[in-house]
Amino acid sequence: MDDEQLFDELLRRLNSEGDSAEYSDDRSGVLLHRFQGTDHDPPFVLHVDARTLGEHLRSMGGLRELFPDESPDISALQLFLVRVMETVDLVLSSSGASDSDRRHLVPVASGVSSRTEPPVSS
């Protein structure tokens, strides 16, 4: 799959089961208005576009054993979505007000990081 196809698949999966996500050029990422069955206002912002998502997924590599029936690209995407879910769950379960403001989700080598501010563009 090319980067655009992977990004389209990400959006398709983020918009399944009654959830709502859309890409926003202004916010430099995917706005998660409704995620895991819960409305979020303000939305979480997953800071990826087609290119950065593709780069991140390719860097994950070696996931065939986790999802043996899937292609390497889809295996990486599935694990990435699990990491997004885990990070959102951690933010929502935090009791501190500053933690609940960590709505900027950024791919990192270990998974997904939550931040109070968007990443600095290079």
PDB file of N, CA and C in Angstrom:
ATOM      1  N   MET A   1       0.853  -1.188   0.000  1.00  0.00           N
ATOM      2  CA  MET A   1       0.000   0.000   0.000  1.00  0.00           C
ATOM      3  C   MET A   1       0.892   1.242   0.000  1.00  0.00           C
ATOM      4  N   ASP A   2       0.459   2.266  -0.720  1.00  0.00           N
ATOM      5  CA  ASP A   2       1.213   3.518  -0.654  1.00  0.00           C
ATOM      6  C   ASP A   2       0.709   4.347   0.536  1.00  0.00           C
ATOM      7  N   ASP A   3       1.384   5.449   0.809  1.00  0.00           N
ATOM      8  CA  ASP A   3       1.072   6.260   1.993  1.00  0.00           C
ATOM      9  C   ASP A   3      -0.363   6.782   1.984  1.00  0.00           C
ATOM     10  N   GLU A   4      -0.840   7.208   0.824  1.00  0.00           N
ATOM     11  CA  GLU A   4      -2.224   7.725   0.733  1.00  0.00           C
ATOM     12  C   GLU A   4      -3.238   6.628   1.045  1.00  0.00           C
ATOM     13  N   GLN A   5      -2.996   5.434   0.557  1.00  0.00           N
ATOM     14  CA  GLN A   5      -3.906   4.320   0.837  1.00  0.00           C
ATOM     15  C   GLN A   5      -3.900   3.974   2.325  1.00  0.00           C
ATOM     16  N   LEU A   6      -2.718   3.985   2.934  1.00  0.00           N
ATOM     17  CA  LEU A   6      -2.639   3.722   4.374  1.00  0.00           C
ATOM     18  C   LEU A   6      -3.372   4.799   5.172  1.00  0.00           C
ATOM     19  N   PHE A   7      -3.222   6.045   4.764  1.00  0.00           N
ATOM     20  CA  PHE A   7      -3.892   7.141   5.458  1.00  0.00           C
ATOM     21  C   PHE A   7      -5.413   7.017   5.298  1.00  0.00           C
ATOM     22  N   ASP A   8      -5.860   6.683   4.092  1.00  0.00           N
ATOM     23  CA  ASP A   8      -7.299   6.470   3.869  1.00  0.00           C
ATOM     24  C   ASP A   8      -7.819   5.335   4.748  1.00  0.00           C
ATOM     25  N   GLU A   9      -7.023   4.279   4.876  1.00  0.00           N
ATOM     26  CA  GLU A   9      -7.423   3.149   5.726  1.00  0.00           C
ATOM     27  C   GLU A   9      -7.471   3.562   7.196  1.00  0.00           C
ATOM     28  N   LEU A  10      -6.518   4.379   7.629  1.00  0.00           N
ATOM     29  CA  LEU A  10      -6.554   4.909   8.993  1.00  0.00           C
ATOM     30  C   LEU A  10      -7.853   5.672   9.232  1.00  0.00           C
ATOM     31  N   LEU A  11      -8.179   6.590   8.323  1.00  0.00           N
ATOM     32  CA  LEU A  11      -9.416   7.370   8.481  1.00  0.00           C
ATOM     33  C   LEU A  11     -10.650   6.477   8.449  1.00  0.00           C
ATOM     34  N   ARG A  12     -10.649   5.483   7.585  1.00  0.00           N
ATOM     35  CA  ARG A  12     -11.789   4.562   7.510  1.00  0.00           C
ATOM     36  C   ARG A  12     -11.975   3.863   8.859  1.00  0.00           C
ATOM     37  N   ARG A  13     -10.888   3.389   9.417  1.00  0.00           N
ATOM     38  CA  ARG A  13     -10.978   2.678  10.696  1.00  0.00           C
ATOM     39  C   ARG A  13     -11.355   3.620  11.840  1.00  0.00           C
ATOM     40  N   LEU A  14     -10.870   4.856  11.805  1.00  0.00           N
ATOM     41  CA  LEU A  14     -11.213   5.822  12.851  1.00  0.00           C
ATOM     42  C   LEU A  14     -12.658   6.299  12.746  1.00  0.00           C
ATOM     43  N   ASN A  15     -13.289   6.074  11.601  1.00  0.00           N
ATOM     44  CA  ASN A  15     -14.679   6.469  11.415  1.00  0.00           C
ATOM     45  C   ASN A  15     -15.638   5.279  11.462  1.00  0.00           C
ATOM     46  N   SER A  16     -15.173   4.150  11.939  1.00  0.00           N
ATOM     47  CA  SER A  16     -16.039   2.978  12.025  1.00  0.00           C
ATOM     48  C   SER A  16     -16.713   2.918  13.386  1.00  0.00           C
ATOM     49  N   GLU A  17     -17.702   2.109  13.483  1.00  0.00           N
ATOM     50  CA  GLU A  17     -18.399   1.845  14.742  1.00  0.00           C
ATOM     51  C   GLU A  17     -18.909   3.109  15.422  1.00  0.00           C
ATOM     52  N   GLY A  18     -19.382   4.073  14.630  1.00  0.00           N
ATOM     53  CA  GLY A  18     -19.979   5.281  15.179  1.00  0.00           C
ATOM     54  C   GLY A  18     -19.008   6.349  15.628  1.00  0.00           C
ATOM     55  N   ASP A  19     -17.709   6.122  15.428  1.00  0.00           N
ATOM     56  CA  ASP A  19     -16.726   7.138  15.794  1.00  0.00           C
ATOM     57  C   ASP A  19     -16.609   8.160  14.674  1.00  0.00           C
ATOM     58  N   SER A  20     -15.956   9.290  14.950  1.00  0.00           N
ATOM     59  CA  SER A  20     -15.876  10.382  13.980  1.00  0.00           C
ATOM     60  C   SER A  20     -14.488  11.007  14.011  1.00  0.00           C
ATOM     61  N   ALA A  21     -13.827  10.996  12.840  1.00  0.00           N
ATOM     62  CA  ALA A  21     -12.504  11.589  12.707  1.00  0.00           C
ATOM     63  C   ALA A  21     -12.400  12.247  11.343  1.00  0.00           C
ATOM     64  N   GLU A  22     -11.628  13.335  11.280  1.00  0.00           N
ATOM     65  CA  GLU A  22     -11.415  14.014  10.004  1.00  0.00           C
ATOM     66  C   GLU A  22     -10.049  14.662  10.017  1.00  0.00           C
ATOM     67  N   TYR A  23      -9.433  14.738   8.831  1.00  0.00           N
ATOM     68  CA  TYR A  23      -8.145  15.402   8.726  1.00  0.00           C
ATOM     69  C   TYR A  23      -8.360  16.902   8.670  1.00  0.00           C
ATOM     70  N   SER A  24      -7.517  17.658   9.366  1.00  0.00           N
ATOM     71  CA  SER A  24      -7.579  19.117   9.368  1.00  0.00           C
ATOM     72  C   SER A  24      -6.204  19.669   9.036  1.00  0.00           C
ATOM     73  N   ASP A  25      -6.094  20.331   7.879  1.00  0.00           N
ATOM     74  CA  ASP A  25      -4.833  21.000   7.525  1.00  0.00           C
ATOM     75  C   ASP A  25      -4.472  22.049   8.575  1.00  0.00           C
ATOM     76  N   ASP A  26      -5.487  22.783   9.047  1.00  0.00           N
ATOM     77  CA  ASP A  26      -5.258  23.847  10.025  1.00  0.00           C
ATOM     78  C   ASP A  26      -4.636  23.328  11.315  1.00  0.00           C
ATOM     79  N   ARG A  27      -5.030  22.138  11.715  1.00  0.00           N
ATOM     80  CA  ARG A  27      -4.531  21.555  12.973  1.00  0.00           C
ATOM     81  C   ARG A  27      -3.392  20.572  12.733  1.00  0.00           C
ATOM     82  N   SER A  28      -3.027  20.368  11.474  1.00  0.00           N
ATOM     83  CA  SER A  28      -1.924  19.456  11.107  1.00  0.00           C
ATOM     84  C   SER A  28      -2.110  18.060  11.676  1.00  0.00           C
ATOM     85  N   GLY A  29      -3.318  17.547  11.531  1.00  0.00           N
ATOM     86  CA  GLY A  29      -3.553  16.198  12.023  1.00  0.00           C
ATOM     87  C   GLY A  29      -5.003  15.784  11.896  1.00  0.00           C
ATOM     88  N   VAL A  30      -5.279  14.618  12.420  1.00  0.00           N
ATOM     89  CA  VAL A  30      -6.610  14.024  12.390  1.00  0.00           C
ATOM     90  C   VAL A  30      -7.316  14.372  13.693  1.00  0.00           C
ATOM     91  N   LEU A  31      -8.464  15.011  13.567  1.00  0.00           N
ATOM     92  CA  LEU A  31      -9.272  15.374  14.738  1.00  0.00           C
ATOM     93  C   LEU A  31     -10.147  14.185  15.114  1.00  0.00           C
ATOM     94  N   LEU A  32     -10.014  13.736  16.338  1.00  0.00           N
ATOM     95  CA  LEU A  32     -10.823  12.616  16.835  1.00  0.00           C
ATOM     96  C   LEU A  32     -11.968  13.200  17.654  1.00  0.00           C
ATOM     97  N   HIS A  33     -13.074  13.508  16.956  1.00  0.00           N
ATOM     98  CA  HIS A  33     -14.246  14.103  17.613  1.00  0.00           C
ATOM     99  C   HIS A  33     -14.962  13.080  18.490  1.00  0.00           C
ATOM    100  N   ARG A  34     -15.070  11.882  17.982  1.00  0.00           N
ATOM    101  CA  ARG A  34     -15.680  10.769  18.723  1.00  0.00           C
ATOM    102  C   ARG A  34     -14.746   9.580  18.545  1.00  0.00           C
ATOM    103  N   PHE A  35     -14.256   9.056  19.654  1.00  0.00           N
ATOM    104  CA  PHE A  35     -13.288   7.970  19.607  1.00  0.00           C
ATOM    105  C   PHE A  35     -13.607   6.967  20.696  1.00  0.00           C
ATOM    106  N   GLN A  36     -13.632   5.703  20.343  1.00  0.00           N
ATOM    107  CA  GLN A  36     -13.963   4.622  21.262  1.00  0.00           C
ATOM    108  C   GLN A  36     -15.334   4.839  21.904  1.00  0.00           C
ATOM    109  N   GLY A  37     -16.258   5.366  21.102  1.00  0.00           N
ATOM    110  CA  GLY A  37     -17.623   5.542  21.568  1.00  0.00           C
ATOM    111  C   GLY A  37     -17.866   6.729  22.467  1.00  0.00           C
ATOM    112  N   THR A  38     -16.871   7.603  22.616  1.00  0.00           N
ATOM    113  CA  THR A  38     -17.012   8.772  23.493  1.00  0.00           C
ATOM    114  C   THR A  38     -16.753  10.043  22.708  1.00  0.00           C
ATOM    115  N   ASP A  39     -17.617  11.045  22.904  1.00  0.00           N
ATOM    116  CA  ASP A  39     -17.404  12.351  22.283  1.00  0.00           C
ATOM    117  C   ASP A  39     -16.299  13.085  23.023  1.00  0.00           C
ATOM    118  N   HIS A  40     -15.463  13.794  22.261  1.00  0.00           N
ATOM    119  CA  HIS A  40     -14.362  14.549  22.852  1.00  0.00           C
ATOM    120  C   HIS A  40     -14.422  15.988  22.376  1.00  0.00           C
ATOM    121  N   ASP A  41     -14.606  16.901  23.327  1.00  0.00           N
ATOM    122  CA  ASP A  41     -14.650  18.323  23.027  1.00  0.00           C
ATOM    123  C   ASP A  41     -13.818  19.047  24.077  1.00  0.00           C
ATOM    124  N   PRO A  42     -12.641  19.493  23.732  1.00  0.00           N
ATOM    125  CA  PRO A  42     -12.077  19.538  22.386  1.00  0.00           C
ATOM    126  C   PRO A  42     -11.630  18.145  21.938  1.00  0.00           C
ATOM    127  N   PRO A  43     -11.521  17.971  20.626  1.00  0.00           N
ATOM    128  CA  PRO A  43     -11.116  16.661  20.121  1.00  0.00           C
ATOM    129  C   PRO A  43      -9.640  16.386  20.387  1.00  0.00           C
ATOM    130  N   PHE A  44      -9.308  15.104  20.415  1.00  0.00           N
ATOM    131  CA  PHE A  44      -7.895  14.732  20.382  1.00  0.00           C
ATOM    132  C   PHE A  44      -7.399  15.028  18.976  1.00  0.00           C
ATOM    133  N   VAL A  45      -6.110  15.364  18.836  1.00  0.00           N
ATOM    134  CA  VAL A  45      -5.516  15.612  17.521  1.00  0.00           C
ATOM    135  C   VAL A  45      -4.383  14.614  17.341  1.00  0.00           C
ATOM    136  N   LEU A  46      -4.556  13.716  16.389  1.00  0.00           N
ATOM    137  CA  LEU A  46      -3.524  12.740  16.046  1.00  0.00           C
ATOM    138  C   LEU A  46      -2.663  13.363  14.961  1.00  0.00           C
ATOM    139  N   HIS A  47      -1.454  13.743  15.316  1.00  0.00           N
ATOM    140  CA  HIS A  47      -0.589  14.512  14.416  1.00  0.00           C
ATOM    141  C   HIS A  47       0.117  13.617  13.407  1.00  0.00           C
ATOM    142  N   VAL A  48      -0.643  13.230  12.369  1.00  0.00           N
ATOM    143  CA  VAL A  48      -0.100  12.482  11.237  1.00  0.00           C
ATOM    144  C   VAL A  48      -0.757  12.988   9.966  1.00  0.00           C
ATOM    145  N   ASP A  49      -0.044  12.843   8.875  1.00  0.00           N
ATOM    146  CA  ASP A  49      -0.612  12.996   7.545  1.00  0.00           C
ATOM    147  C   ASP A  49      -0.179  11.732   6.791  1.00  0.00           C
ATOM    148  N   ALA A  50      -0.463  11.666   5.506  1.00  0.00           N
ATOM    149  CA  ALA A  50      -0.155  10.442   4.759  1.00  0.00           C
ATOM    150  C   ALA A  50       1.336  10.104   4.823  1.00  0.00           C
ATOM    151  N   ARG A  51       2.183  11.089   4.628  1.00  0.00           N
ATOM    152  CA  ARG A  51       3.627  10.837   4.602  1.00  0.00           C
ATOM    153  C   ARG A  51       4.151  10.405   5.966  1.00  0.00           C
ATOM    154  N   THR A  52       3.803  11.156   7.019  1.00  0.00           N
ATOM    155  CA  THR A  52       4.343  10.834   8.345  1.00  0.00           C
ATOM    156  C   THR A  52       3.778   9.517   8.875  1.00  0.00           C
ATOM    157  N   LEU A  53       2.515   9.219   8.553  1.00  0.00           N
ATOM    158  CA  LEU A  53       1.950   7.930   8.958  1.00  0.00           C
ATOM    159  C   LEU A  53       2.707   6.802   8.275  1.00  0.00           C
ATOM    160  N   GLY A  54       2.903   6.917   6.965  1.00  0.00           N
ATOM    161  CA  GLY A  54       3.622   5.880   6.231  1.00  0.00           C
ATOM    162  C   GLY A  54       5.020   5.666   6.775  1.00  0.00           C
ATOM    163  N   GLU A  55       5.734   6.743   7.031  1.00  0.00           N
ATOM    164  CA  GLU A  55       7.093   6.641   7.586  1.00  0.00           C
ATOM    165  C   GLU A  55       7.079   5.945   8.939  1.00  0.00           C
ATOM    166  N   HIS A  56       6.129   6.335   9.784  1.00  0.00           N
ATOM    167  CA  HIS A  56       6.051   5.739  11.118  1.00  0.00           C
ATOM    168  C   HIS A  56       5.722   4.247  11.034  1.00  0.00           C
ATOM    169  N   LEU A  57       4.752   3.892  10.204  1.00  0.00           N
ATOM    170  CA  LEU A  57       4.368   2.486  10.097  1.00  0.00           C
ATOM    171  C   LEU A  57       5.513   1.639   9.553  1.00  0.00           C
ATOM    172  N   ARG A  58       6.241   2.145   8.567  1.00  0.00           N
ATOM    173  CA  ARG A  58       7.379   1.396   8.016  1.00  0.00           C
ATOM    174  C   ARG A  58       8.482   1.233   9.053  1.00  0.00           C
ATOM    175  N   SER A  59       8.627   2.190   9.957  1.00  0.00           N
ATOM    176  CA  SER A  59       9.679   2.098  10.983  1.00  0.00           C
ATOM    177  C   SER A  59       9.352   1.032  12.029  1.00  0.00           C
ATOM    178  N   MET A  60       8.088   0.622  12.118  1.00  0.00           N
ATOM    179  CA  MET A  60       7.682  -0.346  13.136  1.00  0.00           C
ATOM    180  C   MET A  60       8.185  -1.754  12.786  1.00  0.00           C
ATOM    181  N   GLY A  61       8.054  -2.181  11.540  1.00  0.00           N
ATOM    182  CA  GLY A  61       8.575  -3.457  11.054  1.00  0.00           C
ATOM    183  C   GLY A  61       8.371  -4.662  11.957  1.00  0.00           C
ATOM    184  N   GLY A  62       8.524  -5.851  11.406  1.00  0.00           N
ATOM    185  CA  GLY A  62       8.544  -7.101  12.153  1.00  0.00           C
ATOM    186  C   GLY A  62       7.318  -7.429  12.962  1.00  0.00           C
ATOM    187  N   LEU A  63       6.131  -7.123  12.465  1.00  0.00           N
ATOM    188  CA  LEU A  63       4.905  -7.357  13.233  1.00  0.00           C
ATOM    189  C   LEU A  63       4.091  -8.531  12.694  1.00  0.00           C
ATOM    190  N   ARG A  64       4.633  -9.227  11.754  1.00  0.00           N
ATOM    191  CA  ARG A  64       3.890 -10.309  11.106  1.00  0.00           C
ATOM    192  C   ARG A  64       3.397 -11.348  12.115  1.00  0.00           C
ATOM    193  N   GLU A  65       4.191 -11.598  13.158  1.00  0.00           N
ATOM    194  CA  GLU A  65       3.792 -12.608  14.144  1.00  0.00           C
ATOM    195  C   GLU A  65       2.581 -12.164  14.962  1.00  0.00           C
ATOM    196  N   LEU A  66       2.364 -10.861  15.103  1.00  0.00           N
ATOM    197  CA  LEU A  66       1.196 -10.365  15.849  1.00  0.00           C
ATOM    198  C   LEU A  66      -0.092 -10.512  15.058  1.00  0.00           C
ATOM    199  N   PHE A  67      -0.015 -10.282  13.755  1.00  0.00           N
ATOM    200  CA  PHE A  67      -1.190 -10.341  12.882  1.00  0.00           C
ATOM    201  C   PHE A  67      -0.822 -11.171  11.644  1.00  0.00           C
ATOM    202  N   PRO A  68      -0.691 -12.494  11.784  1.00  0.00           N
ATOM    203  CA  PRO A  68      -0.174 -13.327  10.687  1.00  0.00           C
ATOM    204  C   PRO A  68      -1.044 -13.330   9.432  1.00  0.00           C
ATOM    205  N   ASP A  69      -2.306 -12.993   9.548  1.00  0.00           N
ATOM    206  CA  ASP A  69      -3.193 -13.015   8.381  1.00  0.00           C
ATOM    207  C   ASP A  69      -3.229 -11.684   7.649  1.00  0.00           C
ATOM    208  N   GLU A  70      -2.465 -10.698   8.116  1.00  0.00           N
ATOM    209  CA  GLU A  70      -2.484  -9.362   7.519  1.00  0.00           C
ATOM    210  C   GLU A  70      -1.161  -9.053   6.821  1.00  0.00           C
ATOM    211  N   SER A  71      -1.225  -8.092   5.917  1.00  0.00           N
ATOM    212  CA  SER A  71      -0.005  -7.613   5.269  1.00  0.00           C
ATOM    213  C   SER A  71       0.827  -6.851   6.302  1.00  0.00           C
ATOM    214  N   PRO A  72       2.121  -6.672   6.055  1.00  0.00           N
ATOM    215  CA  PRO A  72       2.944  -5.905   7.001  1.00  0.00           C
ATOM    216  C   PRO A  72       2.406  -4.487   7.245  1.00  0.00           C
ATOM    217  N   ASP A  73       1.904  -3.834   6.197  1.00  0.00           N
ATOM    218  CA  ASP A  73       1.366  -2.474   6.355  1.00  0.00           C
ATOM    219  C   ASP A  73       0.166  -2.453   7.290  1.00  0.00           C
ATOM    220  N   ILE A  74      -0.761  -3.378   7.075  1.00  0.00           N
ATOM    221  CA  ILE A  74      -1.974  -3.420   7.902  1.00  0.00           C
ATOM    222  C   ILE A  74      -1.638  -3.872   9.317  1.00  0.00           C
ATOM    223  N   SER A  75      -0.678  -4.776   9.467  1.00  0.00           N
ATOM    224  CA  SER A  75      -0.234  -5.183  10.809  1.00  0.00           C
ATOM    225  C   SER A  75       0.277  -3.975  11.582  1.00  0.00           C
ATOM    226  N   ALA A  76       1.104  -3.163  10.941  1.00  0.00           N
ATOM    227  CA  ALA A  76       1.636  -1.963  11.595  1.00  0.00           C
ATOM    228  C   ALA A  76       0.518  -0.982  11.921  1.00  0.00           C
ATOM    229  N   LEU A  77      -0.428  -0.810  11.003  1.00  0.00           N
ATOM    230  CA  LEU A  77      -1.548   0.105  11.239  1.00  0.00           C
ATOM    231  C   LEU A  77      -2.381  -0.363  12.424  1.00  0.00           C
ATOM    232  N   GLN A  78      -2.649  -1.659  12.498  1.00  0.00           N
ATOM    233  CA  GLN A  78      -3.433  -2.191  13.615  1.00  0.00           C
ATOM    234  C   GLN A  78      -2.729  -1.953  14.949  1.00  0.00           C
ATOM    235  N   LEU A  79      -1.435  -2.198  15.004  1.00  0.00           N
ATOM    236  CA  LEU A  79      -0.704  -1.957  16.247  1.00  0.00           C
ATOM    237  C   LEU A  79      -0.673  -0.465  16.575  1.00  0.00           C
ATOM    238  N   PHE A  80      -0.519   0.377  15.563  1.00  0.00           N
ATOM    239  CA  PHE A  80      -0.538   1.824  15.774  1.00  0.00           C
ATOM    240  C   PHE A  80      -1.876   2.253  16.386  1.00  0.00           C
ATOM    241  N   LEU A  81      -2.978   1.717  15.877  1.00  0.00           N
ATOM    242  CA  LEU A  81      -4.294   2.065  16.429  1.00  0.00           C
ATOM    243  C   LEU A  81      -4.438   1.593  17.874  1.00  0.00           C
ATOM    244  N   VAL A  82      -3.865   0.443  18.196  1.00  0.00           N
ATOM    245  CA  VAL A  82      -3.870  -0.019  19.591  1.00  0.00           C
ATOM    246  C   VAL A  82      -3.115   0.981  20.464  1.00  0.00           C
ATOM    247  N   ARG A  83      -1.979   1.462  19.984  1.00  0.00           N
ATOM    248  CA  ARG A  83      -1.184   2.442  20.735  1.00  0.00           C
ATOM    249  C   ARG A  83      -1.962   3.752  20.921  1.00  0.00           C
ATOM    250  N   VAL A  84      -2.694   4.180  19.893  1.00  0.00           N
ATOM    251  CA  VAL A  84      -3.525   5.384  20.012  1.00  0.00           C
ATOM    252  C   VAL A  84      -4.587   5.163  21.088  1.00  0.00           C
ATOM    253  N   MET A  85      -5.256   4.007  21.053  1.00  0.00           N
ATOM    254  CA  MET A  85      -6.290   3.702  22.053  1.00  0.00           C
ATOM    255  C   MET A  85      -5.709   3.699  23.463  1.00  0.00           C
ATOM    256  N   GLU A  86      -4.554   3.077  23.643  1.00  0.00           N
ATOM    257  CA  GLU A  86      -3.926   3.037  24.961  1.00  0.00           C
ATOM    258  C   GLU A  86      -3.598   4.445  25.462  1.00  0.00           C
ATOM    259  N   THR A  87      -3.093   5.277  24.581  1.00  0.00           N
ATOM    260  CA  THR A  87      -2.714   6.629  24.976  1.00  0.00           C
ATOM    261  C   THR A  87      -3.938   7.454  25.350  1.00  0.00           C
ATOM    262  N   VAL A  88      -4.998   7.367  24.557  1.00  0.00           N
ATOM    263  CA  VAL A  88      -6.235   8.084  24.882  1.00  0.00           C
ATOM    264  C   VAL A  88      -6.783   7.589  26.219  1.00  0.00           C
ATOM    265  N   ASP A  89      -6.780   6.284  26.429  1.00  0.00           N
ATOM    266  CA  ASP A  89      -7.257   5.734  27.703  1.00  0.00           C
ATOM    267  C   ASP A  89      -6.455   6.279  28.878  1.00  0.00           C
ATOM    268  N   LEU A  90      -5.134   6.370  28.725  1.00  0.00           N
ATOM    269  CA  LEU A  90      -4.293   6.913  29.794  1.00  0.00           C
ATOM    270  C   LEU A  90      -4.615   8.376  30.085  1.00  0.00           C
ATOM    271  N   VAL A  91      -4.800   9.154  29.030  1.00  0.00           N
ATOM    272  CA  VAL A  91      -5.141  10.575  29.220  1.00  0.00           C
ATOM    273  C   VAL A  91      -6.476  10.707  29.942  1.00  0.00           C
ATOM    274  N   LEU A  92      -7.463   9.938  29.513  1.00  0.00           N
ATOM    275  CA  LEU A  92      -8.797  10.052  30.103  1.00  0.00           C
ATOM    276  C   LEU A  92      -8.844   9.539  31.540  1.00  0.00           C
ATOM    277  N   SER A  93      -7.975   8.605  31.879  1.00  0.00           N
ATOM    278  CA  SER A  93      -7.983   8.068  33.243  1.00  0.00           C
ATOM    279  C   SER A  93      -7.141   8.898  34.211  1.00  0.00           C
ATOM    280  N   SER A  94      -6.418   9.886  33.687  1.00  0.00           N
ATOM    281  CA  SER A  94      -5.598  10.745  34.550  1.00  0.00           C
ATOM    282  C   SER A  94      -6.489  11.615  35.412  1.00  0.00           C
ATOM    283  N   SER A  95      -6.088  11.777  36.649  1.00  0.00           N
ATOM    284  CA  SER A  95      -6.903  12.601  37.551  1.00  0.00           C
ATOM    285  C   SER A  95      -6.475  14.066  37.549  1.00  0.00           C
ATOM    286  N   GLY A  96      -5.249  14.351  37.128  1.00  0.00           N
ATOM    287  CA  GLY A  96      -4.772  15.728  37.127  1.00  0.00           C
ATOM    288  C   GLY A  96      -5.309  16.520  35.951  1.00  0.00           C
ATOM    289  N   ALA A  97      -5.669  17.777  36.176  1.00  0.00           N
ATOM    290  CA  ALA A  97      -6.213  18.625  35.113  1.00  0.00           C
ATOM    291  C   ALA A  97      -5.214  18.796  33.982  1.00  0.00           C
ATOM    292  N   SER A  98      -3.934  18.935  34.313  1.00  0.00           N
ATOM    293  CA  SER A  98      -2.948  19.132  33.248  1.00  0.00           C
ATOM    294  C   SER A  98      -2.830  17.885  32.380  1.00  0.00           C
ATOM    295  N   ASP A  99      -3.005  16.702  32.966  1.00  0.00           N
ATOM    296  CA  ASP A  99      -2.958  15.474  32.175  1.00  0.00           C
ATOM    297  C   ASP A  99      -4.135  15.385  31.216  1.00  0.00           C
ATOM    298  N   SER A 100      -5.311  15.832  31.633  1.00  0.00           N
ATOM    299  CA  SER A 100      -6.489  15.743  30.770  1.00  0.00           C
ATOM    300  C   SER A 100      -6.398  16.705  29.587  1.00  0.00           C
ATOM    301  N   ASP A 101      -5.478  17.666  29.658  1.00  0.00           N
ATOM    302  CA  ASP A 101      -5.268  18.591  28.539  1.00  0.00           C
ATOM    303  C   ASP A 101      -4.278  18.043  27.515  1.00  0.00           C
ATOM    304  N   ARG A 102      -3.780  16.849  27.729  1.00  0.00           N
ATOM    305  CA  ARG A 102      -2.784  16.247  26.833  1.00  0.00           C
ATOM    306  C   ARG A 102      -3.509  15.620  25.642  1.00  0.00           C
ATOM    307  N   ARG A 103      -4.053  16.460  24.767  1.00  0.00           N
ATOM    308  CA  ARG A 103      -4.886  16.001  23.653  1.00  0.00           C
ATOM    309  C   ARG A 103      -4.168  15.952  22.317  1.00  0.00           C
ATOM    310  N   HIS A 104      -2.884  16.252  22.303  1.00  0.00           N
ATOM    311  CA  HIS A 104      -2.102  16.174  21.074  1.00  0.00           C
ATOM    312  C   HIS A 104      -1.363  14.835  21.065  1.00  0.00           C
ATOM    313  N   LEU A 105      -1.729  13.973  20.134  1.00  0.00           N
ATOM    314  CA  LEU A 105      -1.166  12.634  20.051  1.00  0.00           C
ATOM    315  C   LEU A 105      -0.116  12.596  18.945  1.00  0.00           C
ATOM    316  N   VAL A 106       1.100  12.182  19.303  1.00  0.00           N
ATOM    317  CA  VAL A 106       2.235  12.243  18.395  1.00  0.00           C
ATOM    318  C   VAL A 106       2.899  10.870  18.332  1.00  0.00           C
ATOM    319  N   PRO A 107       3.084  10.321  17.119  1.00  0.00           N
ATOM    320  CA  PRO A 107       3.799   9.045  17.007  1.00  0.00           C
ATOM    321  C   PRO A 107       5.250   9.207  17.466  1.00  0.00           C
ATOM    322  N   VAL A 108       5.696   8.257  18.268  1.00  0.00           N
ATOM    323  CA  VAL A 108       7.087   8.202  18.723  1.00  0.00           C
ATOM    324  C   VAL A 108       7.547   6.749  18.583  1.00  0.00           C
ATOM    325  N   ALA A 109       8.840   6.530  18.703  1.00  0.00           N
ATOM    326  CA  ALA A 109       9.387   5.184  18.509  1.00  0.00           C
ATOM    327  C   ALA A 109       8.714   4.139  19.403  1.00  0.00           C
ATOM    328  N   SER A 110       8.352   4.515  20.611  1.00  0.00           N
ATOM    329  CA  SER A 110       7.750   3.570  21.549  1.00  0.00           C
ATOM    330  C   SER A 110       6.231   3.452  21.409  1.00  0.00           C
ATOM    331  N   GLY A 111       5.623   4.206  20.518  1.00  0.00           N
ATOM    332  CA  GLY A 111       4.175   4.151  20.336  1.00  0.00           C
ATOM    333  C   GLY A 111       3.591   5.500  20.003  1.00  0.00           C
ATOM    334  N   VAL A 112       2.817   6.041  20.946  1.00  0.00           N
ATOM    335  CA  VAL A 112       2.177   7.350  20.762  1.00  0.00           C
ATOM    336  C   VAL A 112       2.327   8.132  22.059  1.00  0.00           C
ATOM    337  N   SER A 113       2.743   9.381  21.934  1.00  0.00           N
ATOM    338  CA  SER A 113       2.918  10.258  23.083  1.00  0.00           C
ATOM    339  C   SER A 113       1.778  11.269  23.121  1.00  0.00           C
ATOM    340  N   SER A 114       1.330  11.617  24.326  1.00  0.00           N
ATOM    341  CA  SER A 114       0.313  12.667  24.461  1.00  0.00           C
ATOM    342  C   SER A 114       0.992  13.913  25.002  1.00  0.00           C
ATOM    343  N   ARG A 115       0.595  15.052  24.456  1.00  0.00           N
ATOM    344  CA  ARG A 115       1.213  16.327  24.824  1.00  0.00           C
ATOM    345  C   ARG A 115       0.141  17.400  24.990  1.00  0.00           C
ATOM    346  N   THR A 116       0.513  18.461  25.704  1.00  0.00           N
ATOM    347  CA  THR A 116      -0.415  19.579  25.878  1.00  0.00           C
ATOM    348  C   THR A 116      -0.365  20.541  24.705  1.00  0.00           C
ATOM    349  N   GLU A 117       0.714  20.514  23.943  1.00  0.00           N
ATOM    350  CA  GLU A 117       0.895  21.418  22.796  1.00  0.00           C
ATOM    351  C   GLU A 117       1.172  20.594  21.545  1.00  0.00           C
ATOM    352  N   PRO A 118       0.812  21.134  20.376  1.00  0.00           N
ATOM    353  CA  PRO A 118       1.144  20.414  19.138  1.00  0.00           C
ATOM    354  C   PRO A 118       2.655  20.351  18.938  1.00  0.00           C
ATOM    355  N   PRO A 119       3.111  19.347  18.191  1.00  0.00           N
ATOM    356  CA  PRO A 119       4.556  19.270  17.936  1.00  0.00           C
ATOM    357  C   PRO A 119       5.019  20.438  17.091  1.00  0.00           C
ATOM    358  N   VAL A 120       6.271  20.781  17.242  1.00  0.00           N
ATOM    359  CA  VAL A 120       6.859  21.859  16.447  1.00  0.00           C
ATOM    360  C   VAL A 120       7.143  21.312  15.060  1.00  0.00           C
ATOM    361  N   SER A 121       6.666  22.005  14.030  1.00  0.00           N
ATOM    362  CA  SER A 121       6.913  21.577  12.643  1.00  0.00           C
ATOM    363  C   SER A 121       8.348  21.855  12.283  1.00  0.00           C
ATOM    364  N   SER A 122       8.915  20.960  11.475  1.00  0.00           N
ATOM    365  CA  SER A 122      10.284  21.209  11.041  1.00  0.00           C
ATOM    366  C   SER A 122      10.328  21.702   9.632  1.00  0.00           C
TER     367      SER A 122
END
